Amino acid sequence: GDVPATYANTDALRFWVGFVPATPIKDGIARFVAWYRD
């Protein structure tokens, strides 16, 4: 049921609402770990 890879083309979302996700993985994980510890 699993797949080896996922990769999103986000051109349509950018065109529709002028936004696409961009948080670097290192920053996001650091914020999760800080929450987990707390």
PDB file of all heavy atoms in Angstrom:
ATOM      1  N   GLY A   1       0.785  -1.220   0.000  1.00  0.00           N
ATOM      2  CA  GLY A   1       0.000   0.000   0.000  1.00  0.00           C
ATOM      3  C   GLY A   1       0.816   1.267   0.000  1.00  0.00           C
ATOM      4  O   GLY A   1       0.279   2.362  -0.180  1.00  0.00           O
ATOM      5  N   ASP A   2       2.145   1.153   0.209  1.00  0.00           N
ATOM      6  CA  ASP A   2       3.003   2.330   0.261  1.00  0.00           C
ATOM      7  C   ASP A   2       3.611   2.593  -1.114  1.00  0.00           C
ATOM      8  O   ASP A   2       3.618   1.727  -1.991  1.00  0.00           O
ATOM      9  CB  ASP A   2       4.108   2.122   1.298  1.00  0.00           C
ATOM     10  CG  ASP A   2       4.446   3.404   2.045  1.00  0.00           C
ATOM     11  OD1 ASP A   2       4.086   4.487   1.541  1.00  0.00           O
ATOM     12  OD2 ASP A   2       5.062   3.313   3.119  1.00  0.00           O
ATOM     13  N   VAL A   3       4.143   3.790  -1.310  1.00  0.00           N
ATOM     14  CA  VAL A   3       4.809   4.143  -2.564  1.00  0.00           C
ATOM     15  C   VAL A   3       6.202   4.670  -2.238  1.00  0.00           C
ATOM     16  O   VAL A   3       6.419   5.246  -1.171  1.00  0.00           O
ATOM     17  CB  VAL A   3       4.004   5.198  -3.356  1.00  0.00           C
ATOM     18  CG1 VAL A   3       2.659   4.631  -3.781  1.00  0.00           C
ATOM     19  CG2 VAL A   3       3.816   6.475  -2.550  1.00  0.00           C
ATOM     20  N   PRO A   4       7.172   4.485  -3.157  1.00  0.00           N
ATOM     21  CA  PRO A   4       8.550   4.894  -2.858  1.00  0.00           C
ATOM     22  C   PRO A   4       8.755   6.401  -2.786  1.00  0.00           C
ATOM     23  O   PRO A   4       9.638   6.868  -2.081  1.00  0.00           O
ATOM     24  CB  PRO A   4       9.346   4.296  -4.027  1.00  0.00           C
ATOM     25  CG  PRO A   4       8.463   3.270  -4.640  1.00  0.00           C
ATOM     26  CD  PRO A   4       7.075   3.734  -4.414  1.00  0.00           C
ATOM     27  N   ALA A   5       7.954   7.168  -3.544  1.00  0.00           N
ATOM     28  CA  ALA A   5       8.215   8.602  -3.611  1.00  0.00           C
ATOM     29  C   ALA A   5       6.947   9.401  -3.865  1.00  0.00           C
ATOM     30  O   ALA A   5       6.009   8.924  -4.517  1.00  0.00           O
ATOM     31  CB  ALA A   5       9.227   8.900  -4.718  1.00  0.00           C
ATOM     32  N   THR A   6       6.918  10.619  -3.334  1.00  0.00           N
ATOM     33  CA  THR A   6       5.883  11.595  -3.674  1.00  0.00           C
ATOM     34  C   THR A   6       6.559  12.934  -3.959  1.00  0.00           C
ATOM     35  O   THR A   6       7.582  13.263  -3.361  1.00  0.00           O
ATOM     36  CB  THR A   6       4.845  11.782  -2.543  1.00  0.00           C
ATOM     37  OG1 THR A   6       5.485  12.304  -1.375  1.00  0.00           O
ATOM     38  CG2 THR A   6       4.158  10.460  -2.218  1.00  0.00           C
ATOM     39  N   TYR A   7       5.960  13.692  -4.876  1.00  0.00           N
ATOM     40  CA  TYR A   7       6.564  14.960  -5.307  1.00  0.00           C
ATOM     41  C   TYR A   7       5.452  15.769  -5.962  1.00  0.00           C
ATOM     42  O   TYR A   7       4.908  15.379  -6.991  1.00  0.00           O
ATOM     43  CB  TYR A   7       7.707  14.645  -6.278  1.00  0.00           C
ATOM     44  CG  TYR A   7       8.460  15.819  -6.882  1.00  0.00           C
ATOM     45  CD1 TYR A   7       8.256  17.138  -6.475  1.00  0.00           C
ATOM     46  CD2 TYR A   7       9.409  15.589  -7.872  1.00  0.00           C
ATOM     47  CE1 TYR A   7       8.962  18.187  -7.037  1.00  0.00           C
ATOM     48  CE2 TYR A   7      10.130  16.628  -8.441  1.00  0.00           C
ATOM     49  CZ  TYR A   7       9.897  17.922  -8.025  1.00  0.00           C
ATOM     50  OH  TYR A   7      10.605  18.955  -8.585  1.00  0.00           O
ATOM     51  N   ALA A   8       5.130  16.909  -5.363  1.00  0.00           N
ATOM     52  CA  ALA A   8       3.980  17.695  -5.810  1.00  0.00           C
ATOM     53  C   ALA A   8       4.369  18.765  -6.828  1.00  0.00           C
ATOM     54  O   ALA A   8       5.257  19.584  -6.580  1.00  0.00           O
ATOM     55  CB  ALA A   8       3.314  18.376  -4.612  1.00  0.00           C
ATOM     56  N   ASN A   9       3.692  18.767  -7.969  1.00  0.00           N
ATOM     57  CA  ASN A   9       3.704  19.923  -8.855  1.00  0.00           C
ATOM     58  C   ASN A   9       2.674  20.908  -8.293  1.00  0.00           C
ATOM     59  O   ASN A   9       1.493  20.571  -8.173  1.00  0.00           O
ATOM     60  CB  ASN A   9       3.327  19.501 -10.279  1.00  0.00           C
ATOM     61  CG  ASN A   9       3.321  20.662 -11.254  1.00  0.00           C
ATOM     62  OD1 ASN A   9       2.865  21.750 -10.950  1.00  0.00           O
ATOM     63  ND2 ASN A   9       3.796  20.412 -12.458  1.00  0.00           N
ATOM     64  N   THR A  10       3.092  22.106  -7.937  1.00  0.00           N
ATOM     65  CA  THR A  10       2.205  23.069  -7.276  1.00  0.00           C
ATOM     66  C   THR A  10       1.910  24.292  -8.144  1.00  0.00           C
ATOM     67  O   THR A  10       1.450  25.322  -7.654  1.00  0.00           O
ATOM     68  CB  THR A  10       2.813  23.528  -5.934  1.00  0.00           C
ATOM     69  OG1 THR A  10       4.148  24.004  -6.162  1.00  0.00           O
ATOM     70  CG2 THR A  10       2.849  22.374  -4.936  1.00  0.00           C
ATOM     71  N   ASP A  11       2.135  24.176  -9.454  1.00  0.00           N
ATOM     72  CA  ASP A  11       1.903  25.313 -10.354  1.00  0.00           C
ATOM     73  C   ASP A  11       0.446  25.767 -10.315  1.00  0.00           C
ATOM     74  O   ASP A  11       0.162  26.971 -10.325  1.00  0.00           O
ATOM     75  CB  ASP A  11       2.277  24.946 -11.791  1.00  0.00           C
ATOM     76  CG  ASP A  11       3.776  24.756 -11.981  1.00  0.00           C
ATOM     77  OD1 ASP A  11       4.545  25.158 -11.074  1.00  0.00           O
ATOM     78  OD2 ASP A  11       4.177  24.184 -13.021  1.00  0.00           O
ATOM     79  N   ALA A  12      -0.485  24.816 -10.293  1.00  0.00           N
ATOM     80  CA  ALA A  12      -1.910  25.174 -10.334  1.00  0.00           C
ATOM     81  C   ALA A  12      -2.328  25.937  -9.081  1.00  0.00           C
ATOM     82  O   ALA A  12      -3.076  26.921  -9.156  1.00  0.00           O
ATOM     83  CB  ALA A  12      -2.767  23.919 -10.508  1.00  0.00           C
ATOM     84  N   LEU A  13      -1.839  25.501  -7.920  1.00  0.00           N
ATOM     85  CA  LEU A  13      -2.167  26.188  -6.672  1.00  0.00           C
ATOM     86  C   LEU A  13      -1.601  27.606  -6.677  1.00  0.00           C
ATOM     87  O   LEU A  13      -2.283  28.560  -6.277  1.00  0.00           O
ATOM     88  CB  LEU A  13      -1.615  25.408  -5.485  1.00  0.00           C
ATOM     89  CG  LEU A  13      -1.933  25.981  -4.103  1.00  0.00           C
ATOM     90  CD1 LEU A  13      -3.409  25.833  -3.781  1.00  0.00           C
ATOM     91  CD2 LEU A  13      -1.100  25.287  -3.020  1.00  0.00           C
ATOM     92  N   ARG A  14      -0.366  27.762  -7.156  1.00  0.00           N
ATOM     93  CA  ARG A  14       0.257  29.095  -7.210  1.00  0.00           C
ATOM     94  C   ARG A  14      -0.545  30.015  -8.123  1.00  0.00           C
ATOM     95  O   ARG A  14      -0.792  31.187  -7.797  1.00  0.00           O
ATOM     96  CB  ARG A  14       1.695  28.988  -7.706  1.00  0.00           C
ATOM     97  CG  ARG A  14       2.381  30.350  -7.812  1.00  0.00           C
ATOM     98  CD  ARG A  14       3.764  30.277  -8.424  1.00  0.00           C
ATOM     99  NE  ARG A  14       4.753  29.719  -7.526  1.00  0.00           N
ATOM    100  CZ  ARG A  14       5.294  28.527  -7.644  1.00  0.00           C
ATOM    101  NH1 ARG A  14       4.917  27.738  -8.651  1.00  0.00           N
ATOM    102  NH2 ARG A  14       6.184  28.087  -6.788  1.00  0.00           N
ATOM    103  N   PHE A  15      -0.977  29.505  -9.238  1.00  0.00           N
ATOM    104  CA  PHE A  15      -1.762  30.312 -10.172  1.00  0.00           C
ATOM    105  C   PHE A  15      -3.099  30.706  -9.565  1.00  0.00           C
ATOM    106  O   PHE A  15      -3.566  31.838  -9.742  1.00  0.00           O
ATOM    107  CB  PHE A  15      -1.991  29.527 -11.473  1.00  0.00           C
ATOM    108  CG  PHE A  15      -2.897  30.226 -12.451  1.00  0.00           C
ATOM    109  CD1 PHE A  15      -2.406  31.242 -13.260  1.00  0.00           C
ATOM    110  CD2 PHE A  15      -4.243  29.878 -12.554  1.00  0.00           C
ATOM    111  CE1 PHE A  15      -3.245  31.900 -14.160  1.00  0.00           C
ATOM    112  CE2 PHE A  15      -5.087  30.533 -13.444  1.00  0.00           C
ATOM    113  CZ  PHE A  15      -4.585  31.537 -14.253  1.00  0.00           C
ATOM    114  N   TRP A  16      -3.723  29.792  -8.818  1.00  0.00           N
ATOM    115  CA  TRP A  16      -5.081  30.016  -8.300  1.00  0.00           C
ATOM    116  C   TRP A  16      -5.104  30.975  -7.115  1.00  0.00           C
ATOM    117  O   TRP A  16      -5.955  31.856  -7.048  1.00  0.00           O
ATOM    118  CB  TRP A  16      -5.694  28.671  -7.926  1.00  0.00           C
ATOM    119  CG  TRP A  16      -7.161  28.708  -7.585  1.00  0.00           C
ATOM    120  CD1 TRP A  16      -7.735  28.497  -6.365  1.00  0.00           C
ATOM    121  CD2 TRP A  16      -8.248  28.941  -8.485  1.00  0.00           C
ATOM    122  NE1 TRP A  16      -9.104  28.593  -6.446  1.00  0.00           N
ATOM    123  CE2 TRP A  16      -9.448  28.865  -7.743  1.00  0.00           C
ATOM    124  CE3 TRP A  16      -8.323  29.215  -9.861  1.00  0.00           C
ATOM    125  CZ2 TRP A  16     -10.706  29.056  -8.308  1.00  0.00           C
ATOM    126  CZ3 TRP A  16      -9.583  29.408 -10.432  1.00  0.00           C
ATOM    127  CH2 TRP A  16     -10.744  29.325  -9.665  1.00  0.00           C
ATOM    128  N   VAL A  17      -4.173  30.818  -6.170  1.00  0.00           N
ATOM    129  CA  VAL A  17      -4.219  31.633  -4.942  1.00  0.00           C
ATOM    130  C   VAL A  17      -2.919  32.370  -4.640  1.00  0.00           C
ATOM    131  O   VAL A  17      -2.797  33.022  -3.607  1.00  0.00           O
ATOM    132  CB  VAL A  17      -4.620  30.776  -3.712  1.00  0.00           C
ATOM    133  CG1 VAL A  17      -6.031  30.249  -3.864  1.00  0.00           C
ATOM    134  CG2 VAL A  17      -3.631  29.639  -3.473  1.00  0.00           C
ATOM    135  N   GLY A  18      -1.924  32.260  -5.511  1.00  0.00           N
ATOM    136  CA  GLY A  18      -0.685  33.007  -5.304  1.00  0.00           C
ATOM    137  C   GLY A  18       0.140  32.544  -4.131  1.00  0.00           C
ATOM    138  O   GLY A  18       0.876  33.318  -3.515  1.00  0.00           O
ATOM    139  N   PHE A  19       0.053  31.253  -3.811  1.00  0.00           N
ATOM    140  CA  PHE A  19       0.786  30.732  -2.660  1.00  0.00           C
ATOM    141  C   PHE A  19       1.150  29.280  -2.887  1.00  0.00           C
ATOM    142  O   PHE A  19       0.365  28.510  -3.445  1.00  0.00           O
ATOM    143  CB  PHE A  19      -0.071  30.836  -1.395  1.00  0.00           C
ATOM    144  CG  PHE A  19       0.523  30.113  -0.202  1.00  0.00           C
ATOM    145  CD1 PHE A  19       1.539  30.692   0.530  1.00  0.00           C
ATOM    146  CD2 PHE A  19       0.077  28.850   0.162  1.00  0.00           C
ATOM    147  CE1 PHE A  19       2.101  30.021   1.618  1.00  0.00           C
ATOM    148  CE2 PHE A  19       0.625  28.174   1.241  1.00  0.00           C
ATOM    149  CZ  PHE A  19       1.633  28.771   1.969  1.00  0.00           C
ATOM    150  N   VAL A  20       2.341  28.903  -2.430  1.00  0.00           N
ATOM    151  CA  VAL A  20       2.717  27.494  -2.337  1.00  0.00           C
ATOM    152  C   VAL A  20       3.528  27.297  -1.060  1.00  0.00           C
ATOM    153  O   VAL A  20       4.219  28.214  -0.604  1.00  0.00           O
ATOM    154  CB  VAL A  20       3.544  26.996  -3.549  1.00  0.00           C
ATOM    155  CG1 VAL A  20       2.708  26.986  -4.815  1.00  0.00           C
ATOM    156  CG2 VAL A  20       4.797  27.835  -3.740  1.00  0.00           C
ATOM    157  N   PRO A  21       3.448  26.126  -0.437  1.00  0.00           N
ATOM    158  CA  PRO A  21       4.246  25.850   0.767  1.00  0.00           C
ATOM    159  C   PRO A  21       5.739  25.985   0.487  1.00  0.00           C
ATOM    160  O   PRO A  21       6.201  25.710  -0.615  1.00  0.00           O
ATOM    161  CB  PRO A  21       3.880  24.404   1.099  1.00  0.00           C
ATOM    162  CG  PRO A  21       2.503  24.227   0.530  1.00  0.00           C
ATOM    163  CD  PRO A  21       2.521  25.026  -0.745  1.00  0.00           C
ATOM    164  N   ALA A  22       6.489  26.398   1.523  1.00  0.00           N
ATOM    165  CA  ALA A  22       7.932  26.577   1.319  1.00  0.00           C
ATOM    166  C   ALA A  22       8.746  26.426   2.598  1.00  0.00           C
ATOM    167  O   ALA A  22       9.944  26.726   2.588  1.00  0.00           O
ATOM    168  CB  ALA A  22       8.201  27.954   0.702  1.00  0.00           C
ATOM    169  N   THR A  23       8.162  25.989   3.716  1.00  0.00           N
ATOM    170  CA  THR A  23       8.920  25.860   4.956  1.00  0.00           C
ATOM    171  C   THR A  23      10.000  24.783   4.805  1.00  0.00           C
ATOM    172  O   THR A  23       9.689  23.634   4.481  1.00  0.00           O
ATOM    173  CB  THR A  23       7.988  25.500   6.131  1.00  0.00           C
ATOM    174  OG1 THR A  23       7.020  26.529   6.289  1.00  0.00           O
ATOM    175  CG2 THR A  23       8.772  25.335   7.422  1.00  0.00           C
ATOM    176  N   PRO A  24      11.276  25.123   5.035  1.00  0.00           N
ATOM    177  CA  PRO A  24      12.341  24.116   4.925  1.00  0.00           C
ATOM    178  C   PRO A  24      12.138  22.991   5.944  1.00  0.00           C
ATOM    179  O   PRO A  24      11.696  23.231   7.072  1.00  0.00           O
ATOM    180  CB  PRO A  24      13.616  24.905   5.232  1.00  0.00           C
ATOM    181  CG  PRO A  24      13.254  26.333   4.981  1.00  0.00           C
ATOM    182  CD  PRO A  24      11.814  26.457   5.349  1.00  0.00           C
ATOM    183  N   ILE A  25      12.476  21.775   5.548  1.00  0.00           N
ATOM    184  CA  ILE A  25      12.250  20.611   6.400  1.00  0.00           C
ATOM    185  C   ILE A  25      12.997  20.735   7.732  1.00  0.00           C
ATOM    186  O   ILE A  25      12.473  20.363   8.794  1.00  0.00           O
ATOM    187  CB  ILE A  25      12.644  19.303   5.666  1.00  0.00           C
ATOM    188  CG1 ILE A  25      12.151  18.075   6.431  1.00  0.00           C
ATOM    189  CG2 ILE A  25      14.135  19.241   5.408  1.00  0.00           C
ATOM    190  CD1 ILE A  25      10.666  17.863   6.348  1.00  0.00           C
ATOM    191  N   LYS A  26      14.189  21.290   7.704  1.00  0.00           N
ATOM    192  CA  LYS A  26      14.969  21.437   8.935  1.00  0.00           C
ATOM    193  C   LYS A  26      14.252  22.339   9.939  1.00  0.00           C
ATOM    194  O   LYS A  26      14.190  22.041  11.141  1.00  0.00           O
ATOM    195  CB  LYS A  26      16.352  22.002   8.612  1.00  0.00           C
ATOM    196  CG  LYS A  26      17.294  22.092   9.803  1.00  0.00           C
ATOM    197  CD  LYS A  26      18.674  22.563   9.363  1.00  0.00           C
ATOM    198  CE  LYS A  26      19.624  22.684  10.542  1.00  0.00           C
ATOM    199  NZ  LYS A  26      20.977  23.126  10.120  1.00  0.00           N
ATOM    200  N   ASP A  27      13.672  23.425   9.460  1.00  0.00           N
ATOM    201  CA  ASP A  27      12.953  24.356  10.340  1.00  0.00           C
ATOM    202  C   ASP A  27      11.685  23.713  10.892  1.00  0.00           C
ATOM    203  O   ASP A  27      11.367  23.843  12.076  1.00  0.00           O
ATOM    204  CB  ASP A  27      12.594  25.633   9.585  1.00  0.00           C
ATOM    205  CG  ASP A  27      13.812  26.438   9.173  1.00  0.00           C
ATOM    206  OD1 ASP A  27      14.927  26.107   9.615  1.00  0.00           O
ATOM    207  OD2 ASP A  27      13.646  27.396   8.389  1.00  0.00           O
ATOM    208  N   GLY A  28      10.946  23.031  10.016  1.00  0.00           N
ATOM    209  CA  GLY A  28       9.699  22.410  10.444  1.00  0.00           C
ATOM    210  C   GLY A  28       9.915  21.323  11.478  1.00  0.00           C
ATOM    211  O   GLY A  28       9.172  21.228  12.464  1.00  0.00           O
ATOM    212  N   ILE A  29      10.945  20.505  11.284  1.00  0.00           N
ATOM    213  CA  ILE A  29      11.242  19.443  12.242  1.00  0.00           C
ATOM    214  C   ILE A  29      11.678  20.033  13.576  1.00  0.00           C
ATOM    215  O   ILE A  29      11.274  19.544  14.647  1.00  0.00           O
ATOM    216  CB  ILE A  29      12.304  18.480  11.678  1.00  0.00           C
ATOM    217  CG1 ILE A  29      11.678  17.605  10.581  1.00  0.00           C
ATOM    218  CG2 ILE A  29      12.911  17.607  12.784  1.00  0.00           C
ATOM    219  CD1 ILE A  29      12.648  16.682   9.880  1.00  0.00           C
ATOM    220  N   ALA A  30      12.486  21.084  13.547  1.00  0.00           N
ATOM    221  CA  ALA A  30      12.915  21.726  14.796  1.00  0.00           C
ATOM    222  C   ALA A  30      11.711  22.232  15.583  1.00  0.00           C
ATOM    223  O   ALA A  30      11.672  22.121  16.821  1.00  0.00           O
ATOM    224  CB  ALA A  30      13.877  22.867  14.488  1.00  0.00           C
ATOM    225  N   ARG A  31      10.719  22.775  14.880  1.00  0.00           N
ATOM    226  CA  ARG A  31       9.516  23.273  15.559  1.00  0.00           C
ATOM    227  C   ARG A  31       8.694  22.120  16.129  1.00  0.00           C
ATOM    228  O   ARG A  31       8.123  22.231  17.216  1.00  0.00           O
ATOM    229  CB  ARG A  31       8.693  24.120  14.591  1.00  0.00           C
ATOM    230  CG  ARG A  31       9.371  25.445  14.267  1.00  0.00           C
ATOM    231  CD  ARG A  31       8.701  26.200  13.151  1.00  0.00           C
ATOM    232  NE  ARG A  31       7.358  26.641  13.532  1.00  0.00           N
ATOM    233  CZ  ARG A  31       6.560  27.346  12.721  1.00  0.00           C
ATOM    234  NH1 ARG A  31       6.989  27.698  11.512  1.00  0.00           N
ATOM    235  NH2 ARG A  31       5.364  27.713  13.124  1.00  0.00           N
ATOM    236  N   PHE A  32       8.648  20.992  15.423  1.00  0.00           N
ATOM    237  CA  PHE A  32       7.939  19.832  15.965  1.00  0.00           C
ATOM    238  C   PHE A  32       8.637  19.308  17.211  1.00  0.00           C
ATOM    239  O   PHE A  32       7.982  19.010  18.223  1.00  0.00           O
ATOM    240  CB  PHE A  32       7.840  18.703  14.934  1.00  0.00           C
ATOM    241  CG  PHE A  32       7.305  17.427  15.542  1.00  0.00           C
ATOM    242  CD1 PHE A  32       5.946  17.231  15.719  1.00  0.00           C
ATOM    243  CD2 PHE A  32       8.175  16.428  15.987  1.00  0.00           C
ATOM    244  CE1 PHE A  32       5.457  16.073  16.310  1.00  0.00           C
ATOM    245  CE2 PHE A  32       7.695  15.269  16.581  1.00  0.00           C
ATOM    246  CZ  PHE A  32       6.328  15.097  16.737  1.00  0.00           C
ATOM    247  N   VAL A  33       9.948  19.158  17.154  1.00  0.00           N
ATOM    248  CA  VAL A  33      10.705  18.617  18.286  1.00  0.00           C
ATOM    249  C   VAL A  33      10.552  19.525  19.509  1.00  0.00           C
ATOM    250  O   VAL A  33      10.401  19.043  20.641  1.00  0.00           O
ATOM    251  CB  VAL A  33      12.184  18.403  17.911  1.00  0.00           C
ATOM    252  CG1 VAL A  33      13.030  18.130  19.151  1.00  0.00           C
ATOM    253  CG2 VAL A  33      12.324  17.247  16.910  1.00  0.00           C
ATOM    254  N   ALA A  34      10.570  20.844  19.297  1.00  0.00           N
ATOM    255  CA  ALA A  34      10.372  21.777  20.414  1.00  0.00           C
ATOM    256  C   ALA A  34       9.000  21.569  21.042  1.00  0.00           C
ATOM    257  O   ALA A  34       8.860  21.568  22.276  1.00  0.00           O
ATOM    258  CB  ALA A  34      10.538  23.213  19.931  1.00  0.00           C
ATOM    259  N   TRP A  35       7.977  21.394  20.190  1.00  0.00           N
ATOM    260  CA  TRP A  35       6.629  21.121  20.713  1.00  0.00           C
ATOM    261  C   TRP A  35       6.606  19.799  21.463  1.00  0.00           C
ATOM    262  O   TRP A  35       6.042  19.709  22.556  1.00  0.00           O
ATOM    263  CB  TRP A  35       5.597  21.080  19.580  1.00  0.00           C
ATOM    264  CG  TRP A  35       4.292  20.505  20.045  1.00  0.00           C
ATOM    265  CD1 TRP A  35       3.301  21.169  20.713  1.00  0.00           C
ATOM    266  CD2 TRP A  35       3.854  19.141  19.936  1.00  0.00           C
ATOM    267  NE1 TRP A  35       2.261  20.306  21.032  1.00  0.00           N
ATOM    268  CE2 TRP A  35       2.580  19.067  20.571  1.00  0.00           C
ATOM    269  CE3 TRP A  35       4.401  17.986  19.388  1.00  0.00           C
ATOM    270  CZ2 TRP A  35       1.871  17.858  20.650  1.00  0.00           C
ATOM    271  CZ3 TRP A  35       3.696  16.806  19.456  1.00  0.00           C
ATOM    272  CH2 TRP A  35       2.438  16.741  20.083  1.00  0.00           C
ATOM    273  N   TYR A  36       7.204  18.755  20.891  1.00  0.00           N
ATOM    274  CA  TYR A  36       7.181  17.411  21.500  1.00  0.00           C
ATOM    275  C   TYR A  36       7.817  17.446  22.894  1.00  0.00           C
ATOM    276  O   TYR A  36       7.264  16.885  23.848  1.00  0.00           O
ATOM    277  CB  TYR A  36       7.928  16.434  20.597  1.00  0.00           C
ATOM    278  CG  TYR A  36       7.893  15.010  21.067  1.00  0.00           C
ATOM    279  CD1 TYR A  36       6.910  14.130  20.614  1.00  0.00           C
ATOM    280  CD2 TYR A  36       8.843  14.516  21.962  1.00  0.00           C
ATOM    281  CE1 TYR A  36       6.877  12.806  21.055  1.00  0.00           C
ATOM    282  CE2 TYR A  36       8.810  13.210  22.411  1.00  0.00           C
ATOM    283  CZ  TYR A  36       7.817  12.350  21.950  1.00  0.00           C
ATOM    284  OH  TYR A  36       7.774  11.061  22.380  1.00  0.00           O
ATOM    285  N   ARG A  37       8.955  18.113  22.994  1.00  0.00           N
ATOM    286  CA  ARG A  37       9.638  18.185  24.297  1.00  0.00           C
ATOM    287  C   ARG A  37       8.775  18.916  25.329  1.00  0.00           C
ATOM    288  O   ARG A  37       8.707  18.518  26.498  1.00  0.00           O
ATOM    289  CB  ARG A  37      10.978  18.906  24.148  1.00  0.00           C
ATOM    290  CG  ARG A  37      12.066  18.116  23.429  1.00  0.00           C
ATOM    291  CD  ARG A  37      13.369  18.910  23.457  1.00  0.00           C
ATOM    292  NE  ARG A  37      14.444  18.290  22.717  1.00  0.00           N
ATOM    293  CZ  ARG A  37      15.243  17.325  23.200  1.00  0.00           C
ATOM    294  NH1 ARG A  37      15.037  16.879  24.415  1.00  0.00           N
ATOM    295  NH2 ARG A  37      16.222  16.832  22.463  1.00  0.00           N
ATOM    296  N   ASP A  38       8.123  19.969  24.884  1.00  0.00           N
ATOM    297  CA  ASP A  38       7.286  20.738  25.802  1.00  0.00           C
ATOM    298  C   ASP A  38       6.026  19.963  26.184  1.00  0.00           C
ATOM    299  O   ASP A  38       5.640  19.926  27.374  1.00  0.00           O
ATOM    300  CB  ASP A  38       6.901  22.063  25.147  1.00  0.00           C
ATOM    301  CG  ASP A  38       5.983  22.894  26.043  1.00  0.00           C
ATOM    302  OD1 ASP A  38       6.443  23.350  27.100  1.00  0.00           O
ATOM    303  OD2 ASP A  38       4.801  23.078  25.671  1.00  0.00           O
TER     304      ASP A  38
END
